[in-house]
Amino acid sequence: MAIIYLDNAASTWPKPPAVKEMMAEVIEDFAANPGRGGHALAMKASKAVFRTRVQVSRLFGVQNPNNLFFYLNATQALNQAIKGFLQAGDHVISSSVEHNSVRRPIEFMRKNNQVEATFVEPREDHQFYVEDFAQAITPSTRLIVVSHASNLTGVILPVAELGKLAKEHGITFLVDASQSAGVLPIDVEAMNIHMLAFPGHKGLYGPQGTGGLYVSSDIDLEPLIHGGTGSQSEAIDQPTTRPDRYESGTLNTVGLAGLQAGVDFVMEKGVDNIRQHEWELVKQTILGLQQIEGVHVYGPGIEIERVGVVAFNIGEVDAAEVSFILDQQYGIATRSGFHCTPLGHQTAGTEQRGAVRASFGIFNSEKDVEALHNAVREIAAAFV
């Protein structure tokens, strides 16, 4: 049975052929330690990492590639940004659809360092409004951090407008681009984004174990990890130069080379084209599911654009059971449960049961959506 992969919000699959080819080339020819030696192989590895840094910077409008730091995933990047920036007494504003990668660091600091937090909720139309964030600002507000798009409902937050609000009030603005990098246009300068966290293995079509954080040059974070960086090794303190200050330990050279190939693929396809492709599949999915008796679709309707995510339930059937049947009987890979966003499920009203999530990528087609519709229709007929 051929696999219909509808779990791209967790990790895109398949990867472009060039990703595998680039990684194989590095392993075969120069998988040395970047920045840890002056010999030819080490220099070749360093250049590969730098090329990736430059290419990702181009995608996000980062003017100085040295302000972009690599991590294993967006979770590490968000922890570095949040914990490395907030101090005791600070107030942070976020949204009620945040992934645990944002919420848990905030809750950790709220519990241990008396940091205050406000989670802004959407209005009845499922959208977030700048005015509601503005009302949450206090004299102690030092950070606004939001997901660019929800990994549950796909709702897109008004990042450019929030960046303008943050700038007007002298507040630092952090964006989690886990569901938007490679799918929605991002320009950190034009959007007034001070920090941007991103994964490499989702919309950038790179391998797992890659991700990063952009930090504006006028922001100094306290490094969470201290150790070898390949520079200023004689000093007892962490280097002050970027990106070394925030990249202790050996980088994933093989993975980052693959990430460059993934970003090359995205830029060749065009972010706007990828966005339109996913949006057409989302509209087709929502319209079809809404016609099946007993199926409930969460989030905004097709009159409001979202990223390539559709969450739904079938009657009172357990979401995990539906996802299991889709996988085992129909060869359709989806994700069920709470998607690491309990806040999002509280907002959607699914905190007691979770939901089934279908999420799309550039390699999905209308036939994949039709197969999902047919499978859900048969499941609903059997249970509802």
Foldseek 3Di string as FASTA:
>chain_A
DDFAEFALLVFDPDFPPVLVVLLVCCVPPAVDFALQDDDDSNPVLVVLLVLLLVLLCVQAQNPDSLLKFKFLFLLVQLLQVLVQADAAQAEEEEALQDFCSNVVSQVVCCVPRVYHYYHHYPDPQRADDLVSVVVVDDPRYAEYEYEQAHQAAQHGHPQLVNLVVCVVVVHAYEYEDAQPRLAPRHHCVNSNHQKYWYGLRHNLSFDRRIIIMRHHPVDDTDAPDDADQSPPVVDPDQDPGGPSSHHHDGHPSSRSSSSSVSSVVSVVCDNHNFNVQLLVLQLLLQVLQVPAPQKDWFHHHNVHTGGNKIWIDGHPDAQVVLQVCCCPVVSYHWDWDANSNLSSCVSRVNNPGTTIMGGDGPPHDNVSSVSVSVSSNVVNVVPD
